[in-house]
Amino acid sequence: MQVNDAYTPQTPIEGVMHAFTRIGRRLKAKQPGDTIDHSAHIALFVLRCSGALRLSELAARMELDASTTSRHVRALEQLGLVRRSPDPADGRAFRVELTEQGVEQWEENARRRMELLSTALEGWSEEDVTTFGQLMTRFADAVTARTEDVPQAAWADKGWAAVGPRLAARRTEDFAPDVDDAARENTEKNLESTT
């Protein structure tokens, strides 16, 4: 879908939608120096923020189906960015985790996107940037609340905040795993044993 940047929105809400479409399109595009696509970057982001996850947990957090997530994991594994390890809670299942190279790749891609955003905010006062961040967070929370059936752990709260001078602000808190019912857990085990 091509969006015409010259389009003039007719209402304030339409203006918000148009702005998000323009920003999203550009942030999803490969940036100069990127070696992986946007979907792979999101997988690395989730794993960087959450630590090792079962395939089904990774799929849920990426808001993708398990087969698509499995393809992403295989591709990232071939690049040496993730590895599979046995799940300590269930030896028949596995968890996906970042390799050291995967952490470095995510940090490098995140740094490029932070530079893009910093450049876009040049000339803004610190107060404007703070207000913008607060309003964006408020908006993101409202959209999330209206689109999620079950509240998820706020894994994304750690992501971009971790990017800084040599990523000194890394946070490693663990999030409690989602509690699955017996049917979902059985499906998860079947899926993981076949990938």
Protein backbone atom coordinates (compact mmCIF):
# COMPACT_ATOMS: atom_id res chain seq x y z
CA MET A 1 0.00 0.00 0.00
CA GLN A 2 1.44 3.34 -0.95
CA VAL A 3 0.45 6.30 1.17
CA ASN A 4 0.45 9.77 -0.31
CA ASP A 5 2.37 12.01 2.12
CA ALA A 6 0.82 15.06 0.46
CA TYR A 7 -2.69 13.97 1.52
CA THR A 8 -4.41 16.46 3.84
CA PRO A 9 -6.36 14.75 6.64
CA GLN A 10 -9.90 16.03 7.07
CA THR A 11 -10.22 15.49 10.86
CA PRO A 12 -7.79 15.46 13.81
CA ILE A 13 -8.23 11.68 14.24
CA GLU A 14 -7.54 11.16 10.56
CA GLY A 15 -4.41 13.28 11.04
CA VAL A 16 -3.22 10.98 13.85
CA MET A 17 -3.84 7.91 11.69
CA HIS A 18 -2.04 9.44 8.73
CA ALA A 19 0.96 10.44 10.85
CA PHE A 20 1.25 6.95 12.34
CA THR A 21 1.04 5.37 8.91
CA ARG A 22 3.86 7.59 7.63
CA ILE A 23 6.05 6.96 10.69
CA GLY A 24 5.36 3.23 10.80
CA ARG A 25 6.18 2.80 7.13
CA ARG A 26 9.55 4.48 7.58
CA LEU A 27 10.49 2.79 10.86
CA LYS A 28 9.68 -0.64 9.42
CA ALA A 29 11.86 -0.01 6.39
CA LYS A 30 15.46 -1.16 6.47
CA GLN A 31 17.72 1.62 7.63
CA PRO A 32 21.19 2.12 6.15
CA GLY A 33 23.40 -0.52 7.76
CA ASP A 34 20.56 -2.89 8.69
CA THR A 35 21.30 -6.53 7.95
CA ILE A 36 17.97 -7.96 9.08
CA ASP A 37 14.38 -7.08 8.26
CA HIS A 38 11.84 -5.45 10.57
CA SER A 39 10.19 -8.72 11.68
CA ALA A 40 13.55 -10.16 12.70
CA HIS A 41 14.33 -6.95 14.58
CA ILE A 42 11.05 -7.28 16.51
CA ALA A 43 11.88 -10.90 17.44
CA LEU A 44 15.29 -9.80 18.72
CA PHE A 45 13.64 -6.91 20.60
CA VAL A 46 11.19 -9.23 22.37
CA LEU A 47 13.92 -11.71 23.29
CA ARG A 48 16.25 -8.90 24.43
CA CYS A 49 13.57 -7.53 26.73
CA SER A 50 12.13 -10.82 27.99
CA GLY A 51 14.98 -13.31 27.94
CA ALA A 52 14.49 -16.90 26.82
CA LEU A 53 10.93 -17.73 25.75
CA ARG A 54 9.07 -20.73 24.45
CA LEU A 55 8.13 -20.43 20.81
CA SER A 56 4.46 -19.93 21.69
CA GLU A 57 5.31 -17.15 24.16
CA LEU A 58 7.50 -15.44 21.57
CA ALA A 59 4.69 -15.70 18.99
CA ALA A 60 2.17 -14.23 21.42
CA ARG A 61 4.41 -11.32 22.32
CA MET A 62 5.15 -10.63 18.64
CA GLU A 63 1.42 -10.96 17.91
CA LEU A 64 2.13 -13.52 15.17
CA ASP A 65 1.05 -17.10 14.63
CA ALA A 66 3.39 -19.88 15.73
CA SER A 67 4.29 -21.03 12.19
CA THR A 68 5.38 -17.53 11.13
CA THR A 69 7.36 -17.11 14.34
CA SER A 70 8.97 -20.51 13.79
CA ARG A 71 10.17 -19.39 10.34
CA HIS A 72 11.64 -16.22 11.86
CA VAL A 73 13.39 -18.27 14.56
CA ARG A 74 14.88 -20.67 11.99
CA ALA A 75 16.18 -17.75 9.91
CA LEU A 76 17.66 -16.04 12.98
CA GLU A 77 19.19 -19.33 14.09
CA GLN A 78 20.90 -19.72 10.70
CA LEU A 79 22.36 -16.22 11.14
CA GLY A 80 23.66 -17.17 14.59
CA LEU A 81 21.49 -14.57 16.33
CA VAL A 82 19.35 -16.96 18.41
CA ARG A 83 19.71 -20.47 19.77
CA ARG A 84 17.32 -23.05 21.14
CA SER A 85 17.83 -24.48 24.60
CA PRO A 86 15.88 -27.07 26.58
CA ASP A 87 13.08 -25.67 28.70
CA PRO A 88 14.03 -26.37 32.33
CA ALA A 89 10.33 -26.71 33.20
CA ASP A 90 9.69 -29.30 30.46
CA GLY A 91 12.54 -31.19 28.81
CA ARG A 92 10.36 -32.00 25.78
CA ALA A 93 10.02 -28.32 24.91
CA PHE A 94 12.61 -25.70 24.04
CA ARG A 95 13.12 -22.03 24.61
CA VAL A 96 14.54 -19.49 22.18
CA GLU A 97 17.19 -17.08 23.41
CA LEU A 98 19.56 -14.51 21.98
CA THR A 99 23.16 -15.35 21.36
CA GLU A 100 25.85 -12.78 22.13
CA GLN A 101 25.85 -11.94 18.42
CA GLY A 102 22.06 -11.51 18.57
CA VAL A 103 22.36 -9.02 21.43
CA GLU A 104 24.99 -7.07 19.49
CA GLN A 105 22.83 -7.07 16.34
CA TRP A 106 19.78 -5.82 18.24
CA GLU A 107 21.81 -3.11 19.97
CA GLU A 108 23.26 -1.92 16.68
CA ASN A 109 19.85 -1.80 14.95
CA ALA A 110 18.30 -0.09 17.99
CA ARG A 111 21.11 2.49 18.01
CA ARG A 112 20.40 3.36 14.37
CA ARG A 113 16.69 3.84 15.08
CA MET A 114 17.44 5.95 18.16
CA GLU A 115 19.71 8.12 16.01
CA LEU A 116 16.89 8.52 13.48
CA LEU A 117 14.44 9.56 16.21
CA SER A 118 16.99 11.88 17.85
CA THR A 119 17.64 13.56 14.51
CA ALA A 120 13.89 13.92 13.91
CA LEU A 121 13.53 15.62 17.31
CA GLU A 122 16.39 18.08 16.75
CA GLY A 123 15.30 21.58 17.60
CA TRP A 124 12.62 20.39 20.02
CA SER A 125 12.91 21.63 23.57
CA GLU A 126 13.48 19.07 26.32
CA GLU A 127 10.02 19.94 27.63
CA ASP A 128 8.45 19.27 24.19
CA VAL A 129 10.21 15.90 23.93
CA THR A 130 9.10 14.95 27.47
CA THR A 131 5.50 15.98 26.75
CA PHE A 132 5.54 14.15 23.41
CA GLY A 133 6.87 11.00 25.12
CA GLN A 134 4.17 11.18 27.79
CA LEU A 135 1.40 11.68 25.23
CA MET A 136 2.72 8.86 23.02
CA THR A 137 2.89 6.53 26.03
CA ARG A 138 -0.64 7.50 27.04
CA PHE A 139 -1.84 6.88 23.49
CA ALA A 140 0.00 3.53 23.23
CA ASP A 141 -1.50 2.42 26.56
CA ALA A 142 -5.00 3.35 25.38
CA VAL A 143 -4.61 1.51 22.06
CA THR A 144 -3.17 -1.53 23.84
CA ALA A 145 -6.00 -1.57 26.39
CA ARG A 146 -8.57 -1.58 23.60
CA THR A 147 -6.91 -4.23 21.46
CA GLU A 148 -5.71 -6.84 23.95
CA ASP A 149 -8.08 -9.40 25.42
CA VAL A 150 -5.77 -10.26 28.30
CA PRO A 151 -3.27 -7.79 29.73
CA GLN A 152 0.30 -8.88 28.97
CA ALA A 153 3.44 -8.17 30.94
CA ALA A 154 4.78 -4.79 29.91
CA TRP A 155 7.83 -6.28 28.18
CA ALA A 156 8.15 -3.35 25.83
CA ASP A 157 8.73 -0.98 28.73
CA LYS A 158 12.35 -2.11 28.81
CA GLY A 159 13.19 -2.02 25.11
CA TRP A 160 14.19 1.39 23.85
CA ALA A 161 15.06 2.59 27.34
CA ALA A 162 17.91 0.09 27.25
CA VAL A 163 19.57 1.93 24.38
CA GLY A 164 22.04 4.48 25.63
CA PRO A 165 25.73 5.04 26.13
CA ARG A 166 26.93 1.47 25.67
CA LEU A 167 23.44 0.46 26.81
CA ALA A 168 24.30 1.14 30.43
CA ALA A 169 20.65 1.23 31.34
CA ARG A 170 20.11 -2.47 30.67
CA ARG A 171 17.39 -3.96 32.79
CA THR A 172 17.12 -7.67 33.36
CA GLU A 173 14.01 -8.12 35.46
CA ASP A 174 12.18 -11.35 34.76
CA PHE A 175 8.54 -11.36 33.86
CA ALA A 176 6.29 -14.09 35.14
CA PRO A 177 5.32 -16.48 32.33
CA ASP A 178 1.76 -16.46 31.14
CA VAL A 179 -0.39 -19.17 32.67
CA ASP A 180 -1.76 -21.41 29.91
CA ASP A 181 -4.65 -23.80 30.22
CA ALA A 182 -4.00 -27.51 29.61
CA ALA A 183 -5.15 -27.44 25.98
CA ARG A 184 -2.93 -24.53 25.02
CA GLU A 185 0.05 -26.10 26.77
CA ASN A 186 -0.52 -29.39 24.93
CA THR A 187 -0.72 -27.56 21.60
CA GLU A 188 2.46 -25.68 22.47
CA LYS A 189 4.34 -28.91 23.25
CA ASN A 190 3.19 -30.46 19.99
CA LEU A 191 4.24 -27.41 18.00
CA GLU A 192 7.65 -27.18 19.66
CA SER A 193 8.42 -30.85 19.24
CA THR A 194 7.81 -30.60 15.49
CA THR A 195 9.95 -27.51 14.79
